Amino acid sequence: MSLVNLMSNAGTRASGVVDFNAAGEAAMTITIGGTVYTEVDTPDATVGEFTNGATAATSATSLAAAINGDTRQNIPKISARVNTVADSV
């Protein structure tokens, strides 16, 4: 997976699943509602960064932390949860 883009129509809530079938790729980006989340080696969740980790579960957990911990201004308010059975967010 090197690019994921989740969008919604105006007035409706978007929903989607990011399924990690392996650890995320270095420097991958995931865009949700125009907000970009970027994989880095040393992530700062407050600015939308996550780490790929060694496993799919680690990647999913880190992405969820980046989505839920993002404090950047003027971004859509969204939340994420991890499905530990499927290694997805």
N, C-alpha and C. Protein backbone atom coordinates (compact mmCIF):
# COMPACT_ATOMS: atom_id res chain seq x y z
N MET A 1 0.85 -1.16 0.00
CA MET A 1 0.00 0.00 0.00
C MET A 1 0.90 1.23 0.00
N SER A 2 0.75 2.09 -1.00
CA SER A 2 1.55 3.30 -1.01
C SER A 2 0.71 4.56 -1.00
N LEU A 3 -0.57 4.46 -1.29
CA LEU A 3 -1.42 5.64 -1.29
C LEU A 3 -2.84 5.22 -0.95
N VAL A 4 -3.41 5.88 0.02
CA VAL A 4 -4.81 5.65 0.40
C VAL A 4 -5.46 7.02 0.47
N ASN A 5 -6.65 7.16 -0.09
CA ASN A 5 -7.36 8.43 -0.07
C ASN A 5 -8.82 8.16 0.25
N LEU A 6 -9.30 8.61 1.42
CA LEU A 6 -10.69 8.44 1.82
C LEU A 6 -11.38 9.79 1.75
N MET A 7 -12.54 9.83 1.11
CA MET A 7 -13.29 11.08 0.96
C MET A 7 -14.76 10.81 1.23
N SER A 8 -15.54 11.88 1.48
CA SER A 8 -16.99 11.75 1.60
C SER A 8 -17.66 12.83 0.77
N ASN A 9 -18.95 12.65 0.54
CA ASN A 9 -19.74 13.69 -0.13
C ASN A 9 -20.15 14.70 0.92
N ALA A 10 -20.34 15.93 0.52
CA ALA A 10 -20.75 16.98 1.46
C ALA A 10 -22.03 16.58 2.18
N GLY A 11 -22.05 16.76 3.48
CA GLY A 11 -23.24 16.47 4.26
C GLY A 11 -23.36 15.03 4.73
N THR A 12 -22.45 14.18 4.33
CA THR A 12 -22.49 12.79 4.79
C THR A 12 -21.21 12.46 5.53
N ARG A 13 -21.29 11.52 6.42
CA ARG A 13 -20.11 11.08 7.15
C ARG A 13 -19.36 10.04 6.33
N ALA A 14 -18.08 10.23 6.27
CA ALA A 14 -17.25 9.26 5.56
C ALA A 14 -16.92 8.11 6.49
N SER A 15 -16.77 6.96 5.92
CA SER A 15 -16.25 5.83 6.68
C SER A 15 -15.38 5.03 5.74
N GLY A 16 -14.41 4.41 6.28
CA GLY A 16 -13.51 3.62 5.46
C GLY A 16 -12.62 2.78 6.33
N VAL A 17 -11.94 1.87 5.69
CA VAL A 17 -11.04 0.97 6.40
C VAL A 17 -9.68 1.01 5.71
N VAL A 18 -8.65 1.19 6.52
CA VAL A 18 -7.28 1.04 6.04
C VAL A 18 -6.80 -0.29 6.59
N ASP A 19 -6.60 -1.25 5.71
CA ASP A 19 -6.24 -2.61 6.11
C ASP A 19 -4.76 -2.84 5.83
N PHE A 20 -4.00 -3.05 6.88
CA PHE A 20 -2.58 -3.35 6.73
C PHE A 20 -2.42 -4.86 6.66
N ASN A 21 -2.08 -5.40 5.51
CA ASN A 21 -1.83 -6.83 5.41
C ASN A 21 -0.36 -7.15 5.65
N ALA A 22 0.42 -6.12 5.87
CA ALA A 22 1.83 -6.22 6.25
C ALA A 22 2.19 -4.87 6.86
N ALA A 23 3.39 -4.75 7.37
CA ALA A 23 3.83 -3.46 7.91
C ALA A 23 3.75 -2.41 6.80
N GLY A 24 3.40 -1.18 7.18
CA GLY A 24 3.33 -0.10 6.21
C GLY A 24 4.68 0.16 5.55
N GLU A 25 4.64 0.83 4.40
CA GLU A 25 5.85 1.13 3.65
C GLU A 25 6.46 2.44 4.13
N ALA A 26 7.77 2.54 4.04
CA ALA A 26 8.47 3.77 4.42
C ALA A 26 7.97 4.93 3.57
N ALA A 27 7.72 6.05 4.21
CA ALA A 27 7.31 7.31 3.57
C ALA A 27 5.93 7.25 2.93
N MET A 28 5.13 6.23 3.24
CA MET A 28 3.78 6.16 2.67
C MET A 28 2.93 7.29 3.22
N THR A 29 1.90 7.67 2.46
CA THR A 29 0.96 8.68 2.92
C THR A 29 -0.45 8.12 2.84
N ILE A 30 -1.28 8.58 3.74
CA ILE A 30 -2.70 8.25 3.75
C ILE A 30 -3.43 9.57 3.87
N THR A 31 -4.35 9.84 2.94
CA THR A 31 -5.09 11.09 2.93
C THR A 31 -6.54 10.82 3.30
N ILE A 32 -7.02 11.53 4.31
CA ILE A 32 -8.40 11.39 4.77
C ILE A 32 -9.02 12.78 4.78
N GLY A 33 -10.01 12.98 3.92
CA GLY A 33 -10.69 14.27 3.85
C GLY A 33 -9.75 15.43 3.57
N GLY A 34 -8.72 15.20 2.79
CA GLY A 34 -7.76 16.25 2.46
C GLY A 34 -6.62 16.38 3.46
N THR A 35 -6.67 15.65 4.57
CA THR A 35 -5.61 15.69 5.57
C THR A 35 -4.65 14.54 5.32
N VAL A 36 -3.38 14.85 5.22
CA VAL A 36 -2.37 13.84 4.91
C VAL A 36 -1.70 13.35 6.19
N TYR A 37 -1.63 12.04 6.32
CA TYR A 37 -0.91 11.36 7.41
C TYR A 37 0.29 10.69 6.76
N THR A 38 1.47 10.90 7.34
CA THR A 38 2.72 10.48 6.72
C THR A 38 3.50 9.53 7.63
N GLU A 39 4.04 8.47 7.04
CA GLU A 39 4.89 7.54 7.78
C GLU A 39 6.28 8.14 7.90
N VAL A 40 6.83 8.13 9.12
CA VAL A 40 8.19 8.58 9.39
C VAL A 40 8.80 7.64 10.42
N ASP A 41 10.12 7.69 10.55
CA ASP A 41 10.80 6.80 11.50
C ASP A 41 10.52 7.16 12.95
N THR A 42 10.46 8.45 13.26
CA THR A 42 10.18 8.90 14.63
C THR A 42 8.94 9.79 14.57
N PRO A 43 7.76 9.19 14.76
CA PRO A 43 6.52 9.93 14.53
C PRO A 43 6.15 10.91 15.65
N ASP A 44 5.43 11.95 15.24
CA ASP A 44 4.81 12.90 16.16
C ASP A 44 3.33 12.91 15.80
N ALA A 45 2.53 12.22 16.58
CA ALA A 45 1.10 12.08 16.26
C ALA A 45 0.38 13.42 16.18
N THR A 46 0.86 14.43 16.89
CA THR A 46 0.17 15.72 16.90
C THR A 46 0.21 16.41 15.54
N VAL A 47 1.12 15.99 14.67
CA VAL A 47 1.19 16.57 13.33
C VAL A 47 0.89 15.53 12.25
N GLY A 48 0.20 14.45 12.63
CA GLY A 48 -0.26 13.46 11.67
C GLY A 48 0.80 12.48 11.19
N GLU A 49 1.79 12.23 12.00
CA GLU A 49 2.83 11.28 11.61
C GLU A 49 2.63 9.95 12.33
N PHE A 50 2.94 8.87 11.62
CA PHE A 50 2.87 7.54 12.20
C PHE A 50 4.07 6.74 11.74
N THR A 51 4.32 5.61 12.39
CA THR A 51 5.44 4.76 12.00
C THR A 51 4.92 3.46 11.41
N ASN A 52 5.69 2.88 10.50
CA ASN A 52 5.26 1.62 9.90
C ASN A 52 5.46 0.45 10.85
N GLY A 53 6.37 0.55 11.80
CA GLY A 53 6.57 -0.54 12.75
C GLY A 53 7.05 -1.81 12.08
N ALA A 54 7.10 -2.86 12.85
CA ALA A 54 7.60 -4.14 12.35
C ALA A 54 6.49 -5.06 11.86
N THR A 55 5.24 -4.74 12.23
CA THR A 55 4.12 -5.61 11.88
C THR A 55 2.94 -4.79 11.39
N ALA A 56 1.97 -5.48 10.81
CA ALA A 56 0.74 -4.81 10.38
C ALA A 56 0.02 -4.21 11.58
N ALA A 57 0.00 -4.92 12.70
CA ALA A 57 -0.67 -4.42 13.89
C ALA A 57 -0.03 -3.15 14.41
N THR A 58 1.29 -3.07 14.38
CA THR A 58 1.99 -1.87 14.83
C THR A 58 1.68 -0.69 13.91
N SER A 59 1.65 -0.94 12.60
CA SER A 59 1.32 0.11 11.65
C SER A 59 -0.09 0.64 11.90
N ALA A 60 -1.05 -0.25 12.08
CA ALA A 60 -2.44 0.15 12.31
C ALA A 60 -2.58 0.94 13.61
N THR A 61 -1.92 0.48 14.65
CA THR A 61 -1.99 1.17 15.95
C THR A 61 -1.39 2.56 15.86
N SER A 62 -0.27 2.69 15.16
CA SER A 62 0.39 3.98 15.03
C SER A 62 -0.44 4.95 14.19
N LEU A 63 -1.06 4.45 13.11
CA LEU A 63 -1.91 5.31 12.29
C LEU A 63 -3.10 5.81 13.10
N ALA A 64 -3.74 4.94 13.86
CA ALA A 64 -4.87 5.35 14.69
C ALA A 64 -4.44 6.42 15.70
N ALA A 65 -3.26 6.26 16.27
CA ALA A 65 -2.74 7.26 17.22
C ALA A 65 -2.52 8.60 16.52
N ALA A 66 -2.05 8.57 15.29
CA ALA A 66 -1.83 9.81 14.53
C ALA A 66 -3.15 10.49 14.21
N ILE A 67 -4.15 9.72 13.84
CA ILE A 67 -5.47 10.30 13.52
C ILE A 67 -6.09 10.88 14.78
N ASN A 68 -6.09 10.13 15.85
CA ASN A 68 -6.73 10.57 17.09
C ASN A 68 -5.94 11.65 17.82
N GLY A 69 -4.63 11.71 17.62
CA GLY A 69 -3.79 12.68 18.32
C GLY A 69 -3.46 13.92 17.53
N ASP A 70 -3.97 14.02 16.30
CA ASP A 70 -3.65 15.14 15.41
C ASP A 70 -4.24 16.44 15.96
N THR A 71 -3.39 17.42 16.20
CA THR A 71 -3.84 18.71 16.72
C THR A 71 -3.63 19.85 15.74
N ARG A 72 -3.35 19.53 14.48
CA ARG A 72 -3.17 20.59 13.49
C ARG A 72 -4.46 21.39 13.34
N GLN A 73 -4.32 22.65 12.99
CA GLN A 73 -5.47 23.55 12.82
C GLN A 73 -6.16 23.26 11.50
N ASN A 74 -7.45 23.54 11.46
CA ASN A 74 -8.24 23.49 10.23
C ASN A 74 -8.25 22.13 9.54
N ILE A 75 -8.31 21.07 10.32
CA ILE A 75 -8.45 19.74 9.74
C ILE A 75 -9.79 19.17 10.17
N PRO A 76 -10.36 18.27 9.38
CA PRO A 76 -11.62 17.65 9.78
C PRO A 76 -11.46 16.89 11.09
N LYS A 77 -12.45 16.97 11.94
CA LYS A 77 -12.42 16.24 13.21
C LYS A 77 -12.88 14.81 12.95
N ILE A 78 -11.97 13.88 13.03
CA ILE A 78 -12.29 12.48 12.80
C ILE A 78 -11.72 11.66 13.94
N SER A 79 -12.13 10.42 14.00
CA SER A 79 -11.56 9.52 15.00
C SER A 79 -11.33 8.17 14.35
N ALA A 80 -10.45 7.41 14.95
CA ALA A 80 -10.10 6.10 14.40
C ALA A 80 -10.02 5.09 15.52
N ARG A 81 -10.27 3.85 15.16
CA ARG A 81 -10.07 2.76 16.11
C ARG A 81 -9.44 1.60 15.37
N VAL A 82 -8.71 0.79 16.11
CA VAL A 82 -7.98 -0.33 15.52
C VAL A 82 -8.79 -1.59 15.67
N ASN A 83 -8.87 -2.36 14.59
CA ASN A 83 -9.42 -3.71 14.62
C ASN A 83 -8.23 -4.64 14.74
N THR A 84 -7.97 -5.14 15.93
CA THR A 84 -6.77 -5.95 16.15
C THR A 84 -6.85 -7.31 15.49
N VAL A 85 -8.03 -7.77 15.17
CA VAL A 85 -8.16 -9.06 14.49
C VAL A 85 -7.73 -8.93 13.04
N ALA A 86 -8.10 -7.83 12.41
CA ALA A 86 -7.82 -7.65 10.99
C ALA A 86 -6.63 -6.72 10.72
N ASP A 87 -5.98 -6.20 11.76
CA ASP A 87 -4.88 -5.25 11.59
C ASP A 87 -5.29 -4.09 10.71
N SER A 88 -6.42 -3.50 11.03
CA SER A 88 -6.93 -2.39 10.23
C SER A 88 -7.36 -1.24 11.12
N VAL A 89 -7.53 -0.06 10.50
CA VAL A 89 -7.99 1.14 11.18
C VAL A 89 -9.30 1.55 10.55
